Amino acid sequence: MKMISLFKKYPIYSILLFCLPFLIGMQPFFPKGLQSLLINFRLVILPIFLIVRFYREFNIVLLVLLILYLFFLRMFTIPSNENDFILVLLSLLSSITFFKFGHYVGKKSKINEVYIFLVHGITCFNLCTLLIYYSITVGAIDVITFFELTQKELSEGVFRFSIGNPIELPLTICSLFYASLLLLPNRKPQLFSSSLNLILTFISQSRIVVVIALLIFVVEFWQSSRSRKLLVLSLIFVFILYVHDDALLILESFVQRLSGEDLGSMDDRSFLYDIAFQYLNIINLIIGSGLTSSSMLLHDLTGSYRTIESVFLQFLFELGIIGTGLLFLTFFLGKKSIAIPSFRNIIIILFWIQILFFSSIYTLMPFAFFLFGITSRTYNNHKTELLFSNN
């Protein structure tokens, strides 16, 4: 009855929250036109709506200064890939708007009951993903056809399985799931949902994200009743029993990645970091060399257009200390308050570490910053307001 009442009160918001995981995760299966529409909606239309609707959360002067600074750098470093430049720019700016929105809704607990629809949407999405994974392992779905549809490399294999990018998609789903748990007032433990989230994250084998999902599961498990604990543990046991061969391979692969025997992407990241530090001079350290300039450098050196795989290092290289400082001021400094990141929660610390040091700027990044906005602490900003007034 409560779900029906919430749906009647917030019908559009409820549908959007429930469908959000599917619109994100199943995007590779959609027609190209619909994919472009979804990307434009979350990177352009929705951020503009958030700025107009919650303009009091923003410092418009800082936001305009940041945009002008980004285009100032662009005048000196013309991007070789205009489409990639636009995507990075919009991902960065929309991350600011999602952070501000998260900071806003984090203080409005009376209306946050509706995020239970997002929890249920994530649960259904994870069930569908698990079904696809199981269908591939038993041969009901051809693995080559699947990877062609999702535009992924077959070398990733079914033992590091994810419908989308094996780091970005699990990280996004975990971010939205944990954000929902934090927003729900007087919530009940979501043990079944957290167990599904853990299983799918474990299969993806993204190390820090697996630890995050495990900690979320442990918290939910600790708060649950004995009967729910037994039920979920039984379901997990049954799943492992049915896919025991694959489960052993996944566990072996994951242990090797943790122990250093199979560093996986860490070797590649170290190579990228070395190049970035080698070409990081005093000019781009202070001023920056422009968005996507690191990708252009890697393209010239390796023949492949790719990123540094570290958001913070990418900020320093492309925006410099000045641009990075302006960016973080835009994130945290509002018109009337300062949103200080809270690091009292180990799960949030791990999210920050994953985003800043083991991820590149990507189009789903705004959802992680939505979580960061929720967990930020608010302080009055009377003195700073005189310096950066919107009036």
Protein backbone atom coordinates (compact mmCIF):
# COMPACT_ATOMS: atom_id res chain seq x y z
CA MET A 1 0.00 0.00 0.00
CA LYS A 2 2.83 2.39 0.81
CA MET A 3 4.42 1.78 -2.59
CA ILE A 4 1.12 2.52 -4.32
CA SER A 5 0.72 5.70 -2.31
CA LEU A 6 4.24 6.82 -3.21
CA PHE A 7 3.64 6.04 -6.87
CA LYS A 8 0.44 8.08 -6.92
CA LYS A 9 2.22 10.98 -5.26
CA TYR A 10 5.35 10.89 -7.47
CA PRO A 11 4.38 8.91 -10.61
CA ILE A 12 6.93 10.30 -13.08
CA TYR A 13 9.78 10.33 -10.56
CA SER A 14 8.96 6.76 -9.47
CA ILE A 15 8.96 5.43 -13.04
CA LEU A 16 12.18 7.27 -13.88
CA LEU A 17 13.98 5.94 -10.79
CA PHE A 18 12.83 2.36 -11.41
CA CYS A 19 13.84 2.45 -15.09
CA LEU A 20 17.13 4.30 -14.52
CA PRO A 21 19.34 1.17 -14.05
CA PHE A 22 17.92 -0.34 -17.25
CA LEU A 23 18.39 2.90 -19.21
CA ILE A 24 22.01 2.92 -18.08
CA GLY A 25 22.92 -0.76 -18.22
CA MET A 26 20.94 -1.87 -21.27
CA GLN A 27 21.98 1.13 -23.37
CA PRO A 28 24.30 -0.94 -25.64
CA PHE A 29 21.25 -2.91 -26.84
CA PHE A 30 19.27 0.21 -27.80
CA PRO A 31 19.22 1.72 -31.32
CA LYS A 32 21.91 4.36 -31.93
CA GLY A 33 19.36 7.17 -32.03
CA LEU A 34 17.93 6.20 -28.64
CA GLN A 35 21.43 5.86 -27.18
CA SER A 36 22.28 9.40 -28.28
CA LEU A 37 18.99 10.65 -26.83
CA LEU A 38 19.71 9.05 -23.45
CA ILE A 39 23.25 10.47 -23.35
CA ASN A 40 21.97 13.94 -24.23
CA PHE A 41 19.23 13.66 -21.62
CA ARG A 42 21.57 12.88 -18.72
CA LEU A 43 24.45 15.12 -19.85
CA VAL A 44 22.56 18.13 -21.23
CA ILE A 45 18.82 18.27 -20.58
CA LEU A 46 18.82 17.04 -16.97
CA PRO A 47 21.78 19.24 -15.86
CA ILE A 48 20.13 22.34 -17.35
CA PHE A 49 16.91 21.44 -15.51
CA LEU A 50 18.82 20.98 -12.25
CA ILE A 51 20.58 24.35 -12.59
CA VAL A 52 17.30 26.13 -13.28
CA ARG A 53 15.38 24.25 -10.58
CA PHE A 54 18.01 24.30 -7.83
CA TYR A 55 20.00 27.40 -8.77
CA ARG A 56 20.37 28.36 -5.10
CA GLU A 57 22.65 25.35 -4.63
CA PHE A 58 25.06 26.65 -7.28
CA ASN A 59 27.49 29.53 -7.37
CA ILE A 60 26.73 30.66 -10.89
CA VAL A 61 29.74 33.00 -11.04
CA LEU A 62 32.15 30.15 -10.34
CA LEU A 63 30.37 27.87 -12.79
CA VAL A 64 30.63 30.48 -15.57
CA LEU A 65 34.30 31.13 -14.73
CA LEU A 66 35.03 27.40 -14.97
CA ILE A 67 33.34 27.11 -18.37
CA LEU A 68 35.22 30.15 -19.66
CA TYR A 69 38.49 28.71 -18.37
CA LEU A 70 37.85 25.38 -20.11
CA PHE A 71 37.20 27.12 -23.42
CA PHE A 72 40.21 29.38 -22.86
CA LEU A 73 42.40 26.28 -22.69
CA ARG A 74 40.69 24.89 -25.76
CA MET A 75 41.90 27.89 -27.79
CA PHE A 76 45.50 26.76 -27.25
CA THR A 77 44.97 22.99 -27.57
CA ILE A 78 42.49 22.19 -30.31
CA PRO A 79 41.16 18.65 -29.69
CA SER A 80 41.75 16.08 -32.40
CA ASN A 81 38.52 14.33 -31.45
CA GLU A 82 35.76 16.93 -31.11
CA ASN A 83 33.13 14.40 -30.06
CA ASP A 84 35.29 13.10 -27.21
CA PHE A 85 36.02 16.67 -26.07
CA ILE A 86 32.29 17.43 -25.88
CA LEU A 87 31.55 14.20 -23.96
CA VAL A 88 34.33 14.90 -21.42
CA LEU A 89 33.21 18.52 -21.03
CA LEU A 90 29.57 17.56 -20.51
CA SER A 91 30.50 14.71 -18.13
CA LEU A 92 32.49 17.16 -16.03
CA LEU A 93 29.82 19.85 -15.94
CA SER A 94 26.98 17.40 -15.32
CA SER A 95 28.96 15.89 -12.44
CA ILE A 96 28.81 19.31 -10.77
CA THR A 97 25.04 19.53 -11.22
CA PHE A 98 24.47 15.97 -9.95
CA PHE A 99 26.68 16.69 -6.93
CA LYS A 100 24.62 19.79 -6.13
CA PHE A 101 21.38 17.86 -6.55
CA GLY A 102 22.66 15.11 -4.25
CA HIS A 103 23.63 17.75 -1.68
CA TYR A 104 20.10 19.13 -1.91
CA VAL A 105 18.16 15.86 -1.63
CA GLY A 106 20.46 14.65 1.14
CA LYS A 107 18.88 17.31 3.36
CA LYS A 108 15.27 16.57 2.33
CA SER A 109 14.55 13.23 4.03
CA LYS A 110 10.74 13.67 4.02
CA ILE A 111 10.47 13.22 0.25
CA ASN A 112 13.22 10.60 -0.17
CA GLU A 113 11.01 7.57 0.41
CA VAL A 114 10.50 7.48 -3.35
CA TYR A 115 14.08 6.19 -3.80
CA ILE A 116 12.80 2.75 -2.85
CA PHE A 117 11.80 2.54 -6.54
CA LEU A 118 15.46 2.95 -7.49
CA VAL A 119 16.40 0.12 -5.10
CA HIS A 120 13.80 -2.14 -6.71
CA GLY A 121 14.91 -1.06 -10.19
CA ILE A 122 18.52 -1.98 -9.38
CA THR A 123 17.37 -5.34 -7.98
CA CYS A 124 15.43 -6.16 -11.16
CA PHE A 125 18.32 -5.01 -13.34
CA ASN A 126 20.77 -7.20 -11.43
CA LEU A 127 18.39 -10.16 -11.74
CA CYS A 128 18.24 -9.63 -15.50
CA THR A 129 22.04 -9.35 -15.69
CA LEU A 130 22.41 -12.53 -13.66
CA LEU A 131 20.00 -14.31 -15.99
CA ILE A 132 21.99 -13.18 -19.03
CA TYR A 133 25.23 -14.32 -17.40
CA TYR A 134 23.76 -17.73 -16.55
CA SER A 135 22.37 -18.07 -20.10
CA ILE A 136 25.84 -17.43 -21.50
CA THR A 137 27.50 -19.96 -19.18
CA VAL A 138 25.07 -22.74 -20.19
CA GLY A 139 25.25 -21.83 -23.88
CA ALA A 140 21.71 -20.48 -24.27
CA ILE A 141 23.19 -17.17 -25.46
CA ASP A 142 26.15 -17.18 -27.84
CA VAL A 143 29.02 -15.36 -26.14
CA ILE A 144 30.46 -13.99 -29.41
CA THR A 145 27.09 -12.54 -30.43
CA PHE A 146 26.66 -11.01 -26.99
CA PHE A 147 30.03 -9.27 -27.05
CA GLU A 148 29.36 -7.99 -30.56
CA LEU A 149 26.04 -6.49 -29.44
CA THR A 150 27.58 -4.80 -26.41
CA GLN A 151 30.63 -3.67 -28.41
CA LYS A 152 33.00 -5.27 -25.89
CA GLU A 153 36.16 -7.20 -26.57
CA LEU A 154 35.82 -10.98 -26.34
CA SER A 155 39.17 -11.06 -24.52
CA GLU A 156 37.41 -9.77 -21.41
CA GLY A 157 35.76 -13.18 -21.20
CA VAL A 158 32.69 -14.31 -19.30
CA PHE A 159 34.72 -14.59 -16.10
CA ARG A 160 34.96 -10.82 -15.88
CA PHE A 161 31.37 -10.30 -16.87
CA SER A 162 29.38 -7.10 -17.10
CA ILE A 163 26.83 -5.89 -19.62
CA GLY A 164 28.77 -2.62 -19.92
CA ASN A 165 32.28 -1.58 -18.94
CA PRO A 166 33.36 -3.97 -16.11
CA ILE A 167 34.49 -1.04 -13.96
CA GLU A 168 32.23 1.86 -14.87
CA LEU A 169 28.88 0.05 -14.87
CA PRO A 170 29.30 -1.85 -11.54
CA LEU A 171 30.65 1.36 -9.99
CA THR A 172 27.63 3.31 -11.22
CA ILE A 173 25.14 0.70 -10.01
CA CYS A 174 26.87 0.53 -6.62
CA SER A 175 26.83 4.33 -6.39
CA LEU A 176 23.10 4.53 -7.10
CA PHE A 177 22.33 1.62 -4.78
CA TYR A 178 24.26 3.06 -1.85
CA ALA A 179 22.86 6.54 -2.53
CA SER A 180 19.35 5.11 -2.30
CA LEU A 181 20.12 3.34 0.97
CA LEU A 182 21.42 6.58 2.47
CA LEU A 183 18.41 8.57 1.27
CA LEU A 184 15.66 6.22 2.46
CA PRO A 185 14.27 7.45 5.81
CA ASN A 186 13.57 4.77 8.43
CA ARG A 187 14.41 2.10 5.90
CA LYS A 188 14.43 -1.66 6.33
CA PRO A 189 17.63 -3.60 5.50
CA GLN A 190 17.86 -4.42 1.78
CA LEU A 191 19.68 -7.71 2.20
CA PHE A 192 18.46 -9.47 -0.94
CA SER A 193 19.25 -6.45 -3.13
CA SER A 194 22.71 -6.03 -1.59
CA SER A 195 23.49 -9.75 -2.11
CA LEU A 196 22.59 -9.52 -5.80
CA ASN A 197 24.68 -6.37 -6.08
CA LEU A 198 27.62 -8.19 -4.48
CA ILE A 199 27.32 -11.21 -6.81
CA LEU A 200 27.24 -9.11 -9.98
CA THR A 201 30.06 -6.88 -8.79
CA PHE A 202 32.13 -9.94 -7.87
CA ILE A 203 31.65 -11.36 -11.35
CA SER A 204 32.86 -8.07 -12.86
CA GLN A 205 36.07 -8.40 -10.75
CA SER A 206 36.68 -4.69 -10.29
CA ARG A 207 38.71 -4.92 -7.09
CA ILE A 208 37.81 -1.77 -5.16
CA VAL A 209 34.18 -1.93 -6.30
CA VAL A 210 33.96 -5.53 -5.04
CA VAL A 211 35.21 -4.39 -1.62
CA ILE A 212 32.61 -1.61 -1.66
CA ALA A 213 29.81 -4.04 -2.53
CA LEU A 214 31.03 -6.47 0.14
CA LEU A 215 30.99 -3.76 2.83
CA ILE A 216 27.47 -2.69 1.80
CA PHE A 217 26.36 -6.33 2.01
CA VAL A 218 27.97 -6.78 5.45
CA VAL A 219 26.16 -3.71 6.80
CA GLU A 220 22.82 -4.91 5.43
CA PHE A 221 23.47 -8.45 6.64
CA TRP A 222 24.29 -7.24 10.15
CA GLN A 223 21.05 -5.25 10.36
CA SER A 224 18.79 -8.01 9.01
CA SER A 225 16.73 -10.56 10.89
CA ARG A 226 17.97 -14.12 11.34
CA SER A 227 15.38 -15.54 8.94
CA ARG A 228 16.43 -13.14 6.16
CA LYS A 229 20.08 -13.95 6.75
CA LEU A 230 19.41 -17.68 6.38
CA LEU A 231 17.28 -17.14 3.26
CA VAL A 232 19.87 -15.00 1.49
CA LEU A 233 22.76 -17.28 2.43
CA SER A 234 20.75 -20.22 1.08
CA LEU A 235 20.13 -18.40 -2.21
CA ILE A 236 23.81 -17.55 -2.54
CA PHE A 237 24.73 -21.18 -1.85
CA VAL A 238 22.26 -22.41 -4.49
CA PHE A 239 23.68 -19.96 -7.04
CA ILE A 240 27.26 -21.09 -6.32
CA LEU A 241 26.13 -24.72 -6.55
CA TYR A 242 24.64 -24.21 -10.02
CA VAL A 243 27.67 -22.33 -11.38
CA HIS A 244 30.32 -23.89 -9.16
CA ASP A 245 32.86 -24.39 -11.97
CA ASP A 246 32.57 -20.78 -13.08
CA ALA A 247 32.50 -19.60 -9.47
CA LEU A 248 35.82 -21.31 -8.77
CA LEU A 249 37.38 -19.74 -11.87
CA ILE A 250 36.09 -16.29 -10.88
CA LEU A 251 37.36 -16.71 -7.32
CA GLU A 252 40.77 -17.89 -8.54
CA SER A 253 41.03 -14.98 -10.96
CA PHE A 254 39.96 -12.48 -8.30
CA VAL A 255 42.45 -13.82 -5.74
CA GLN A 256 45.24 -13.59 -8.33
CA ARG A 257 44.29 -9.98 -9.06
CA LEU A 258 44.30 -9.12 -5.34
CA SER A 259 47.57 -10.92 -4.62
CA GLY A 260 49.42 -9.29 -7.51
CA GLU A 261 49.91 -12.45 -9.57
CA ASP A 262 47.53 -11.01 -12.14
CA LEU A 263 47.66 -7.23 -11.89
CA GLY A 264 45.28 -6.92 -14.81
CA SER A 265 44.66 -3.25 -15.52
CA MET A 266 47.22 -2.10 -12.90
CA ASP A 267 50.15 -2.79 -15.26
CA ASP A 268 48.42 -0.79 -17.95
CA ARG A 269 47.63 2.05 -15.54
CA SER A 270 51.25 2.20 -14.36
CA PHE A 271 52.32 2.58 -17.99
CA LEU A 272 49.83 5.41 -18.50
CA TYR A 273 50.83 7.14 -15.26
CA ASP A 274 54.51 7.03 -16.25
CA ILE A 275 53.74 8.73 -19.56
CA ALA A 276 51.63 11.41 -17.84
CA PHE A 277 54.33 12.23 -15.28
CA GLN A 278 57.02 12.19 -17.95
CA TYR A 279 55.20 14.85 -19.99
CA LEU A 280 53.84 16.83 -17.03
CA ASN A 281 55.78 20.10 -17.23
CA ILE A 282 55.48 23.31 -15.24
CA ILE A 283 53.09 24.90 -17.76
CA ASN A 284 50.41 22.22 -17.83
CA LEU A 285 50.92 21.61 -14.11
CA ILE A 286 49.95 25.21 -13.32
CA ILE A 287 47.69 26.22 -16.21
CA GLY A 288 46.74 22.92 -17.83
CA SER A 289 46.90 21.83 -21.45
CA GLY A 290 43.16 21.53 -22.16
CA LEU A 291 40.54 18.81 -21.93
CA THR A 292 41.40 15.56 -23.77
CA SER A 293 45.02 16.72 -24.29
CA SER A 294 46.24 13.65 -22.38
CA SER A 295 44.31 11.40 -24.77
CA MET A 296 45.85 13.22 -27.72
CA LEU A 297 49.31 12.67 -26.21
CA LEU A 298 48.67 8.96 -25.71
CA HIS A 299 47.38 8.70 -29.26
CA ASP A 300 50.59 10.24 -30.60
CA LEU A 301 52.77 7.94 -28.47
CA THR A 302 50.86 4.66 -28.62
CA GLY A 303 48.61 5.02 -31.65
CA SER A 304 45.54 4.47 -29.45
CA TYR A 305 43.13 7.23 -28.39
CA ARG A 306 42.66 6.55 -24.68
CA THR A 307 42.69 8.18 -21.23
CA ILE A 308 45.14 8.26 -18.31
CA GLU A 309 42.73 6.16 -16.16
CA SER A 310 43.01 8.56 -13.22
CA VAL A 311 40.56 11.43 -12.90
CA PHE A 312 42.79 13.38 -10.51
CA LEU A 313 45.90 13.00 -12.68
CA GLN A 314 43.80 13.90 -15.70
CA PHE A 315 42.63 17.05 -13.90
CA LEU A 316 46.22 18.08 -13.15
CA PHE A 317 47.44 17.39 -16.67
CA GLU A 318 44.52 18.93 -18.55
CA LEU A 319 43.29 21.67 -16.17
CA GLY A 320 46.39 22.42 -14.13
CA ILE A 321 46.41 23.52 -10.51
CA ILE A 322 44.41 26.65 -11.39
CA GLY A 323 41.69 24.81 -13.31
CA THR A 324 41.53 21.94 -10.80
CA GLY A 325 41.21 24.40 -7.92
CA LEU A 326 38.46 26.28 -9.76
CA LEU A 327 36.70 23.00 -10.50
CA PHE A 328 36.65 21.86 -6.87
CA LEU A 329 35.53 25.32 -5.72
CA THR A 330 32.63 25.01 -8.18
CA PHE A 331 31.78 21.61 -6.73
CA PHE A 332 31.89 22.52 -3.07
CA LEU A 333 31.14 26.26 -2.90
CA GLY A 334 27.48 27.24 -3.27
CA LYS A 335 25.72 30.56 -3.08
CA LYS A 336 24.97 30.33 0.63
CA SER A 337 26.77 27.23 1.87
CA ILE A 338 29.86 25.08 1.52
CA ALA A 339 29.48 21.35 0.86
CA ILE A 340 32.46 19.68 2.53
CA PRO A 341 33.06 16.01 1.59
CA SER A 342 32.56 13.70 4.55
CA PHE A 343 35.15 10.96 5.03
CA ARG A 344 33.70 9.39 8.16
CA ASN A 345 32.43 6.42 6.14
CA ILE A 346 34.96 3.90 4.79
CA ILE A 347 32.60 3.05 1.91
CA ILE A 348 32.55 6.68 0.77
CA ILE A 349 36.34 6.88 1.06
CA LEU A 350 36.65 3.86 -1.24
CA PHE A 351 34.25 5.44 -3.73
CA TRP A 352 36.41 8.59 -3.81
CA ILE A 353 39.59 6.53 -4.24
CA GLN A 354 38.08 4.55 -7.13
CA ILE A 355 36.83 7.66 -8.92
CA LEU A 356 39.87 9.89 -8.46
CA PHE A 357 42.71 7.39 -8.87
CA PHE A 358 41.41 4.33 -10.75
CA SER A 359 38.86 5.74 -13.20
CA SER A 360 38.89 8.13 -16.13
CA ILE A 361 36.33 10.83 -16.83
CA TYR A 362 33.36 8.90 -18.24
CA THR A 363 29.74 9.69 -19.09
CA LEU A 364 28.30 7.80 -16.09
CA MET A 365 30.57 9.60 -13.60
CA PRO A 366 27.84 12.12 -12.58
CA PHE A 367 25.96 9.36 -10.73
CA ALA A 368 28.97 8.80 -8.45
CA PHE A 369 29.09 12.52 -7.72
CA PHE A 370 25.38 12.37 -6.90
CA LEU A 371 26.37 10.02 -4.08
CA PHE A 372 29.21 12.34 -3.03
CA GLY A 373 26.75 15.22 -2.85
CA ILE A 374 24.45 13.22 -0.58
CA THR A 375 27.27 12.51 1.86
CA SER A 376 28.73 16.04 1.89
CA ARG A 377 28.35 18.13 5.06
CA THR A 378 26.87 21.64 4.92
CA TYR A 379 28.44 24.74 6.41
CA ASN A 380 27.27 28.35 6.27
CA ASN A 381 29.06 30.52 3.77
CA HIS A 382 28.41 34.14 4.73
CA LYS A 383 31.96 35.45 4.30
CA THR A 384 32.63 33.60 1.08
CA GLU A 385 29.30 34.73 -0.33
CA LEU A 386 30.57 38.32 -0.36
CA LEU A 387 33.44 37.27 -2.62
CA PHE A 388 31.42 35.11 -5.02
CA SER A 389 27.97 36.63 -4.92
CA ASN A 390 25.56 35.86 -7.74
CA ASN A 391 24.01 39.29 -7.40
